[in-house]
Amino acid sequence: MLVAVLLAFAGGYLDTYTWITHGVLANAETTLTLSVPVFVLLLVLLVCSLARPIEASEQF
């Protein structure tokens, strides 16, 4: 358990350091971890906004 905690801390430190100093993330896994949920959320919002019924005040 101690080794897992130390590795997690080291990975978080590298991500934080490279983000603050260079403006990029340290590895591809972190980028996917952040970008995939955001993409899914935007996709769900788009589908929900297209699927809602048109109200009478919005008709031409």
PDB file of N, CA and C in Angstrom:
ATOM      1  N   MET A   1       0.825  -1.190   0.000  1.00  0.00           N
ATOM      2  CA  MET A   1       0.000   0.000   0.000  1.00  0.00           C
ATOM      3  C   MET A   1       0.873   1.258   0.000  1.00  0.00           C
ATOM      4  N   LEU A   2       1.955   1.209   0.715  1.00  0.00           N
ATOM      5  CA  LEU A   2       2.854   2.358   0.789  1.00  0.00           C
ATOM      6  C   LEU A   2       3.445   2.675  -0.588  1.00  0.00           C
ATOM      7  N   VAL A   3       3.816   1.645  -1.329  1.00  0.00           N
ATOM      8  CA  VAL A   3       4.384   1.851  -2.667  1.00  0.00           C
ATOM      9  C   VAL A   3       3.328   2.477  -3.592  1.00  0.00           C
ATOM     10  N   ALA A   4       2.097   2.027  -3.512  1.00  0.00           N
ATOM     11  CA  ALA A   4       1.027   2.584  -4.343  1.00  0.00           C
ATOM     12  C   ALA A   4       0.791   4.052  -4.024  1.00  0.00           C
ATOM     13  N   VAL A   5       0.814   4.402  -2.747  1.00  0.00           N
ATOM     14  CA  VAL A   5       0.634   5.799  -2.339  1.00  0.00           C
ATOM     15  C   VAL A   5       1.793   6.651  -2.842  1.00  0.00           C
ATOM     16  N   LEU A   6       3.009   6.166  -2.732  1.00  0.00           N
ATOM     17  CA  LEU A   6       4.174   6.920  -3.201  1.00  0.00           C
ATOM     18  C   LEU A   6       4.148   7.103  -4.724  1.00  0.00           C
ATOM     19  N   LEU A   7       3.755   6.075  -5.463  1.00  0.00           N
ATOM     20  CA  LEU A   7       3.658   6.211  -6.915  1.00  0.00           C
ATOM     21  C   LEU A   7       2.553   7.182  -7.319  1.00  0.00           C
ATOM     22  N   ALA A   8       1.432   7.139  -6.634  1.00  0.00           N
ATOM     23  CA  ALA A   8       0.348   8.078  -6.926  1.00  0.00           C
ATOM     24  C   ALA A   8       0.785   9.509  -6.633  1.00  0.00           C
ATOM     25  N   PHE A   9       1.488   9.704  -5.529  1.00  0.00           N
ATOM     26  CA  PHE A   9       1.997  11.031  -5.185  1.00  0.00           C
ATOM     27  C   PHE A   9       2.987  11.519  -6.236  1.00  0.00           C
ATOM     28  N   ALA A  10       3.892  10.647  -6.674  1.00  0.00           N
ATOM     29  CA  ALA A  10       4.889  11.035  -7.677  1.00  0.00           C
ATOM     30  C   ALA A  10       4.218  11.402  -9.000  1.00  0.00           C
ATOM     31  N   GLY A  11       3.214  10.638  -9.424  1.00  0.00           N
ATOM     32  CA  GLY A  11       2.502  10.958 -10.656  1.00  0.00           C
ATOM     33  C   GLY A  11       1.749  12.275 -10.558  1.00  0.00           C
ATOM     34  N   GLY A  12       1.112  12.509  -9.443  1.00  0.00           N
ATOM     35  CA  GLY A  12       0.413  13.777  -9.236  1.00  0.00           C
ATOM     36  C   GLY A  12       1.361  14.952  -9.198  1.00  0.00           C
ATOM     37  N   TYR A  13       2.518  14.760  -8.574  1.00  0.00           N
ATOM     38  CA  TYR A  13       3.519  15.822  -8.519  1.00  0.00           C
ATOM     39  C   TYR A  13       4.028  16.164  -9.918  1.00  0.00           C
ATOM     40  N   LEU A  14       4.327  15.145 -10.724  1.00  0.00           N
ATOM     41  CA  LEU A  14       4.809  15.392 -12.085  1.00  0.00           C
ATOM     42  C   LEU A  14       3.760  16.119 -12.922  1.00  0.00           C
ATOM     43  N   ASP A  15       2.498  15.698 -12.812  1.00  0.00           N
ATOM     44  CA  ASP A  15       1.436  16.379 -13.550  1.00  0.00           C
ATOM     45  C   ASP A  15       1.307  17.837 -13.119  1.00  0.00           C
ATOM     46  N   THR A  16       1.329  18.071 -11.818  1.00  0.00           N
ATOM     47  CA  THR A  16       1.204  19.432 -11.302  1.00  0.00           C
ATOM     48  C   THR A  16       2.376  20.297 -11.725  1.00  0.00           C
ATOM     49  N   TYR A  17       3.575  19.774 -11.600  1.00  0.00           N
ATOM     50  CA  TYR A  17       4.772  20.532 -11.956  1.00  0.00           C
ATOM     51  C   TYR A  17       4.789  20.901 -13.441  1.00  0.00           C
ATOM     52  N   THR A  18       4.503  19.929 -14.309  1.00  0.00           N
ATOM     53  CA  THR A  18       4.544  20.231 -15.740  1.00  0.00           C
ATOM     54  C   THR A  18       3.395  21.149 -16.149  1.00  0.00           C
ATOM     55  N   TRP A  19       2.236  21.045 -15.476  1.00  0.00           N
ATOM     56  CA  TRP A  19       1.124  21.940 -15.796  1.00  0.00           C
ATOM     57  C   TRP A  19       1.453  23.377 -15.413  1.00  0.00           C
ATOM     58  N   ILE A  20       2.030  23.567 -14.223  1.00  0.00           N
ATOM     59  CA  ILE A  20       2.345  24.919 -13.754  1.00  0.00           C
ATOM     60  C   ILE A  20       3.488  25.536 -14.545  1.00  0.00           C
ATOM     61  N   THR A  21       4.533  24.768 -14.809  1.00  0.00           N
ATOM     62  CA  THR A  21       5.711  25.339 -15.455  1.00  0.00           C
ATOM     63  C   THR A  21       5.618  25.391 -16.976  1.00  0.00           C
ATOM     64  N   HIS A  22       4.984  24.407 -17.607  1.00  0.00           N
ATOM     65  CA  HIS A  22       4.966  24.340 -19.065  1.00  0.00           C
ATOM     66  C   HIS A  22       3.574  24.447 -19.680  1.00  0.00           C
ATOM     67  N   GLY A  23       2.534  24.329 -18.891  1.00  0.00           N
ATOM     68  CA  GLY A  23       1.175  24.414 -19.409  1.00  0.00           C
ATOM     69  C   GLY A  23       0.687  23.166 -20.116  1.00  0.00           C
ATOM     70  N   VAL A  24       1.354  22.038 -19.911  1.00  0.00           N
ATOM     71  CA  VAL A  24       0.935  20.762 -20.485  1.00  0.00           C
ATOM     72  C   VAL A  24       0.899  19.719 -19.378  1.00  0.00           C
ATOM     73  N   LEU A  25       0.210  18.619 -19.648  1.00  0.00           N
ATOM     74  CA  LEU A  25       0.172  17.537 -18.672  1.00  0.00           C
ATOM     75  C   LEU A  25       1.319  16.565 -18.928  1.00  0.00           C
ATOM     76  N   ALA A  26       1.739  15.862 -17.888  1.00  0.00           N
ATOM     77  CA  ALA A  26       2.947  15.048 -17.955  1.00  0.00           C
ATOM     78  C   ALA A  26       2.784  13.800 -18.817  1.00  0.00           C
ATOM     79  N   ASN A  27       1.605  13.225 -18.864  1.00  0.00           N
ATOM     80  CA  ASN A  27       1.462  11.987 -19.631  1.00  0.00           C
ATOM     81  C   ASN A  27       0.096  11.898 -20.297  1.00  0.00           C
ATOM     82  N   ALA A  28      -0.032  10.996 -21.236  1.00  0.00           N
ATOM     83  CA  ALA A  28      -1.259  10.876 -22.018  1.00  0.00           C
ATOM     84  C   ALA A  28      -2.421  10.353 -21.187  1.00  0.00           C
ATOM     85  N   GLU A  29      -2.156   9.549 -20.180  1.00  0.00           N
ATOM     86  CA  GLU A  29      -3.242   9.007 -19.371  1.00  0.00           C
ATOM     87  C   GLU A  29      -4.000  10.113 -18.653  1.00  0.00           C
ATOM     88  N   THR A  30      -3.274  11.105 -18.151  1.00  0.00           N
ATOM     89  CA  THR A  30      -3.932  12.208 -17.452  1.00  0.00           C
ATOM     90  C   THR A  30      -4.779  13.018 -18.417  1.00  0.00           C
ATOM     91  N   THR A  31      -4.274  13.245 -19.610  1.00  0.00           N
ATOM     92  CA  THR A  31      -5.026  13.997 -20.601  1.00  0.00           C
ATOM     93  C   THR A  31      -6.318  13.273 -20.965  1.00  0.00           C
ATOM     94  N   LEU A  32      -6.253  11.958 -21.158  1.00  0.00           N
ATOM     95  CA  LEU A  32      -7.462  11.195 -21.461  1.00  0.00           C
ATOM     96  C   LEU A  32      -8.420  11.171 -20.284  1.00  0.00           C
ATOM     97  N   THR A  33      -7.870  11.092 -19.085  1.00  0.00           N
ATOM     98  CA  THR A  33      -8.707  11.082 -17.890  1.00  0.00           C
ATOM     99  C   THR A  33      -9.499  12.373 -17.772  1.00  0.00           C
ATOM    100  N   LEU A  34      -8.917  13.481 -18.197  1.00  0.00           N
ATOM    101  CA  LEU A  34      -9.606  14.760 -18.104  1.00  0.00           C
ATOM    102  C   LEU A  34     -10.489  15.046 -19.310  1.00  0.00           C
ATOM    103  N   SER A  35     -10.059  14.650 -20.498  1.00  0.00           N
ATOM    104  CA  SER A  35     -10.786  15.057 -21.695  1.00  0.00           C
ATOM    105  C   SER A  35     -11.980  14.154 -22.028  1.00  0.00           C
ATOM    106  N   VAL A  36     -11.901  12.877 -21.749  1.00  0.00           N
ATOM    107  CA  VAL A  36     -13.007  11.969 -22.100  1.00  0.00           C
ATOM    108  C   VAL A  36     -14.283  12.311 -21.325  1.00  0.00           C
ATOM    109  N   PRO A  37     -14.254  12.506 -20.001  1.00  0.00           N
ATOM    110  CA  PRO A  37     -15.505  12.865 -19.316  1.00  0.00           C
ATOM    111  C   PRO A  37     -16.075  14.208 -19.792  1.00  0.00           C
ATOM    112  N   VAL A  38     -15.222  15.160 -20.107  1.00  0.00           N
ATOM    113  CA  VAL A  38     -15.707  16.445 -20.605  1.00  0.00           C
ATOM    114  C   VAL A  38     -16.382  16.252 -21.957  1.00  0.00           C
ATOM    115  N   PHE A  39     -15.787  15.461 -22.846  1.00  0.00           N
ATOM    116  CA  PHE A  39     -16.391  15.188 -24.155  1.00  0.00           C
ATOM    117  C   PHE A  39     -17.738  14.493 -23.995  1.00  0.00           C
ATOM    118  N   VAL A  40     -17.831  13.518 -23.119  1.00  0.00           N
ATOM    119  CA  VAL A  40     -19.083  12.794 -22.904  1.00  0.00           C
ATOM    120  C   VAL A  40     -20.151  13.736 -22.357  1.00  0.00           C
ATOM    121  N   LEU A  41     -19.788  14.601 -21.423  1.00  0.00           N
ATOM    122  CA  LEU A  41     -20.745  15.557 -20.869  1.00  0.00           C
ATOM    123  C   LEU A  41     -21.260  16.503 -21.952  1.00  0.00           C
ATOM    124  N   LEU A  42     -20.365  17.019 -22.785  1.00  0.00           N
ATOM    125  CA  LEU A  42     -20.794  17.909 -23.863  1.00  0.00           C
ATOM    126  C   LEU A  42     -21.686  17.181 -24.870  1.00  0.00           C
ATOM    127  N   LEU A  43     -21.368  15.935 -25.151  1.00  0.00           N
ATOM    128  CA  LEU A  43     -22.189  15.150 -26.063  1.00  0.00           C
ATOM    129  C   LEU A  43     -23.586  14.918 -25.490  1.00  0.00           C
ATOM    130  N   VAL A  44     -23.683  14.608 -24.214  1.00  0.00           N
ATOM    131  CA  VAL A  44     -24.981  14.409 -23.566  1.00  0.00           C
ATOM    132  C   VAL A  44     -25.783  15.708 -23.575  1.00  0.00           C
ATOM    133  N   LEU A  45     -25.142  16.823 -23.291  1.00  0.00           N
ATOM    134  CA  LEU A  45     -25.841  18.104 -23.313  1.00  0.00           C
ATOM    135  C   LEU A  45     -26.341  18.436 -24.717  1.00  0.00           C
ATOM    136  N   LEU A  46     -25.549  18.143 -25.732  1.00  0.00           N
ATOM    137  CA  LEU A  46     -25.964  18.391 -27.108  1.00  0.00           C
ATOM    138  C   LEU A  46     -27.168  17.532 -27.479  1.00  0.00           C
ATOM    139  N   VAL A  47     -27.114  16.255 -27.142  1.00  0.00           N
ATOM    140  CA  VAL A  47     -28.229  15.354 -27.465  1.00  0.00           C
ATOM    141  C   VAL A  47     -29.488  15.770 -26.719  1.00  0.00           C
ATOM    142  N   CYS A  48     -29.347  16.149 -25.464  1.00  0.00           N
ATOM    143  CA  CYS A  48     -30.521  16.582 -24.691  1.00  0.00           C
ATOM    144  C   CYS A  48     -31.117  17.864 -25.247  1.00  0.00           C
ATOM    145  N   SER A  49     -30.272  18.785 -25.690  1.00  0.00           N
ATOM    146  CA  SER A  49     -30.802  20.036 -26.223  1.00  0.00           C
ATOM    147  C   SER A  49     -31.476  19.823 -27.572  1.00  0.00           C
ATOM    148  N   LEU A  50     -31.012  18.859 -28.363  1.00  0.00           N
ATOM    149  CA  LEU A  50     -31.648  18.579 -29.645  1.00  0.00           C
ATOM    150  C   LEU A  50     -32.923  17.768 -29.486  1.00  0.00           C
ATOM    151  N   ALA A  51     -33.041  16.990 -28.428  1.00  0.00           N
ATOM    152  CA  ALA A  51     -34.178  16.102 -28.240  1.00  0.00           C
ATOM    153  C   ALA A  51     -35.361  16.766 -27.544  1.00  0.00           C
ATOM    154  N   ARG A  52     -35.171  17.943 -26.994  1.00  0.00           N
ATOM    155  CA  ARG A  52     -36.280  18.563 -26.259  1.00  0.00           C
ATOM    156  C   ARG A  52     -37.333  19.058 -27.241  1.00  0.00           C
ATOM    157  N   PRO A  53     -38.590  19.023 -26.856  1.00  0.00           N
ATOM    158  CA  PRO A  53     -39.664  19.458 -27.770  1.00  0.00           C
ATOM    159  C   PRO A  53     -39.640  20.981 -27.959  1.00  0.00           C
ATOM    160  N   ILE A  54     -40.093  21.402 -29.123  1.00  0.00           N
ATOM    161  CA  ILE A  54     -40.158  22.832 -29.428  1.00  0.00           C
ATOM    162  C   ILE A  54     -41.426  23.401 -28.798  1.00  0.00           C
ATOM    163  N   GLU A  55     -41.260  24.467 -28.040  1.00  0.00           N
ATOM    164  CA  GLU A  55     -42.412  25.101 -27.402  1.00  0.00           C
ATOM    165  C   GLU A  55     -43.122  26.002 -28.405  1.00  0.00           C
ATOM    166  N   ALA A  56     -44.354  26.365 -28.095  1.00  0.00           N
ATOM    167  CA  ALA A  56     -45.159  27.194 -28.995  1.00  0.00           C
ATOM    168  C   ALA A  56     -44.516  28.556 -29.233  1.00  0.00           C
ATOM    169  N   SER A  57     -43.856  29.120 -28.252  1.00  0.00           N
ATOM    170  CA  SER A  57     -43.237  30.439 -28.406  1.00  0.00           C
ATOM    171  C   SER A  57     -41.993  30.388 -29.297  1.00  0.00           C
ATOM    172  N   GLU A  58     -41.427  29.208 -29.527  1.00  0.00           N
ATOM    173  CA  GLU A  58     -40.228  29.087 -30.332  1.00  0.00           C
ATOM    174  C   GLU A  58     -40.537  28.789 -31.799  1.00  0.00           C
ATOM    175  N   GLN A  59     -41.804  28.529 -32.118  1.00  0.00           N
ATOM    176  CA  GLN A  59     -42.155  28.203 -33.506  1.00  0.00           C
ATOM    177  C   GLN A  59     -42.157  29.465 -34.346  1.00  0.00           C
ATOM    178  N   PHE A  60     -41.882  29.294 -35.616  1.00  0.00           N
ATOM    179  CA  PHE A  60     -41.803  30.444 -36.524  1.00  0.00           C
ATOM    180  C   PHE A  60     -43.146  30.839 -37.033  1.00  0.00           C
TER     181      PHE A  60
END
